[in-house]
Amino acid sequence: MAKSHDQAARRIAKALGGRYRPNKSPDVKGPGGRAEVKSAANEVPEALRQLGGGSGPAYIGLPKPEHPKAIKRLGGRKTGLMDYLGNITKPSTRK
């Protein structure tokens, strides 16, 4: 894993009150939701697959410059979008 991926996953885990597990998917699980960290918007389909159909809020963590493309790919989906600092750009509506 890249160092930036690990740092982002740890920040997102802190924001969600969860734990980062580098060898498991999704990357982050906690009481605030689940998150899969990726580096580019073209990885959104893979992240959605890794998040699966579980219950509770689910997010994809991407660098801020990738958000406009990712929001288009997530249109109509209940999965949320976070930046690498754990700030929510698109809230998750999963129950």
Protein backbone atom coordinates (compact mmCIF):
# COMPACT_ATOMS: atom_id res chain seq x y z
CA MET A 1 0.00 0.00 0.00
CA ALA A 2 1.11 3.52 -0.71
CA LYS A 3 1.96 5.72 2.22
CA SER A 4 -0.69 8.30 1.21
CA HIS A 5 -3.35 5.54 1.11
CA ASP A 6 -2.46 4.41 4.62
CA GLN A 7 -2.45 7.97 5.98
CA ALA A 8 -5.81 8.72 4.36
CA ALA A 9 -7.33 5.48 5.67
CA ARG A 10 -6.17 6.29 9.21
CA ARG A 11 -7.66 9.80 9.04
CA ILE A 12 -10.95 8.47 7.69
CA ALA A 13 -11.01 5.78 10.38
CA LYS A 14 -10.61 8.48 13.01
CA ALA A 15 -13.44 10.52 11.43
CA LEU A 16 -15.74 7.48 11.45
CA GLY A 17 -14.67 6.34 14.91
CA GLY A 18 -13.47 3.10 13.40
CA ARG A 19 -10.40 1.09 12.66
CA TYR A 20 -8.18 0.78 9.59
CA ARG A 21 -7.27 -2.76 8.63
CA PRO A 22 -4.89 -2.76 5.67
CA ASN A 23 -5.37 -6.46 4.88
CA LYS A 24 -9.19 -6.45 4.92
CA SER A 25 -11.87 -5.00 2.72
CA PRO A 26 -13.36 -2.48 3.18
CA ASP A 27 -10.36 -0.56 4.51
CA VAL A 28 -12.22 1.08 7.41
CA LYS A 29 -15.03 -0.20 9.62
CA GLY A 30 -16.52 1.52 12.61
CA PRO A 31 -19.71 2.71 14.29
CA GLY A 32 -19.83 5.74 11.98
CA GLY A 33 -19.77 3.61 8.85
CA ARG A 34 -17.48 1.81 6.43
CA ALA A 35 -15.06 3.26 3.90
CA GLU A 36 -12.91 2.10 1.01
CA VAL A 37 -9.96 4.35 0.13
CA LYS A 38 -8.95 4.73 -3.52
CA SER A 39 -6.68 7.09 -5.46
CA ALA A 40 -8.74 7.80 -8.61
CA ALA A 41 -12.38 8.19 -9.64
CA ASN A 42 -12.04 5.39 -12.19
CA GLU A 43 -11.71 3.00 -9.22
CA VAL A 44 -15.25 3.78 -7.98
CA PRO A 45 -16.78 0.53 -9.39
CA GLU A 46 -14.15 -1.55 -7.59
CA ALA A 47 -14.72 0.39 -4.35
CA LEU A 48 -18.48 -0.19 -4.61
CA ARG A 49 -17.84 -3.92 -5.02
CA GLN A 50 -15.54 -3.95 -2.00
CA LEU A 51 -18.06 -2.08 0.15
CA GLY A 52 -20.69 -4.66 -0.77
CA GLY A 53 -24.31 -4.52 0.24
CA GLY A 54 -23.83 -4.24 4.00
CA SER A 55 -25.92 -2.04 6.21
CA GLY A 56 -25.05 1.37 7.57
CA PRO A 57 -23.31 4.36 6.01
CA ALA A 58 -20.69 3.59 3.37
CA TYR A 59 -18.13 5.96 1.87
CA ILE A 60 -15.46 6.03 -0.77
CA GLY A 61 -12.37 8.04 0.16
CA LEU A 62 -10.72 9.88 -2.73
CA PRO A 63 -8.38 12.86 -3.11
CA LYS A 64 -10.30 16.15 -3.45
CA PRO A 65 -9.37 16.74 -7.15
CA GLU A 66 -11.07 13.43 -8.06
CA HIS A 67 -14.42 14.37 -6.47
CA PRO A 68 -16.16 15.98 -9.50
CA LYS A 69 -15.61 12.83 -11.59
CA ALA A 70 -16.53 10.55 -8.69
CA ILE A 71 -19.78 12.40 -7.96
CA LYS A 72 -20.85 11.77 -11.57
CA ARG A 73 -20.07 8.07 -11.16
CA LEU A 74 -21.96 7.93 -7.83
CA GLY A 75 -25.07 9.71 -9.13
CA GLY A 76 -28.21 8.04 -7.82
CA ARG A 77 -26.28 5.78 -5.43
CA LYS A 78 -26.55 5.75 -1.66
CA THR A 79 -22.78 5.54 -1.14
CA GLY A 80 -21.13 8.70 0.17
CA LEU A 81 -17.85 10.39 -0.75
CA MET A 82 -15.08 11.61 1.56
CA ASP A 83 -11.78 13.34 0.97
CA TYR A 84 -8.46 12.09 2.33
CA LEU A 85 -8.93 14.19 5.49
CA GLY A 86 -12.25 12.56 6.38
CA ASN A 87 -14.43 15.49 5.28
CA ILE A 88 -17.72 14.39 3.72
CA THR A 89 -18.44 15.75 0.24
CA LYS A 90 -21.47 13.57 -0.47
CA PRO A 91 -23.30 12.05 2.52
CA SER A 92 -24.17 8.38 2.56
CA THR A 93 -27.89 7.62 2.62
CA ARG A 94 -27.46 3.90 3.31
CA LYS A 95 -29.44 2.73 6.31
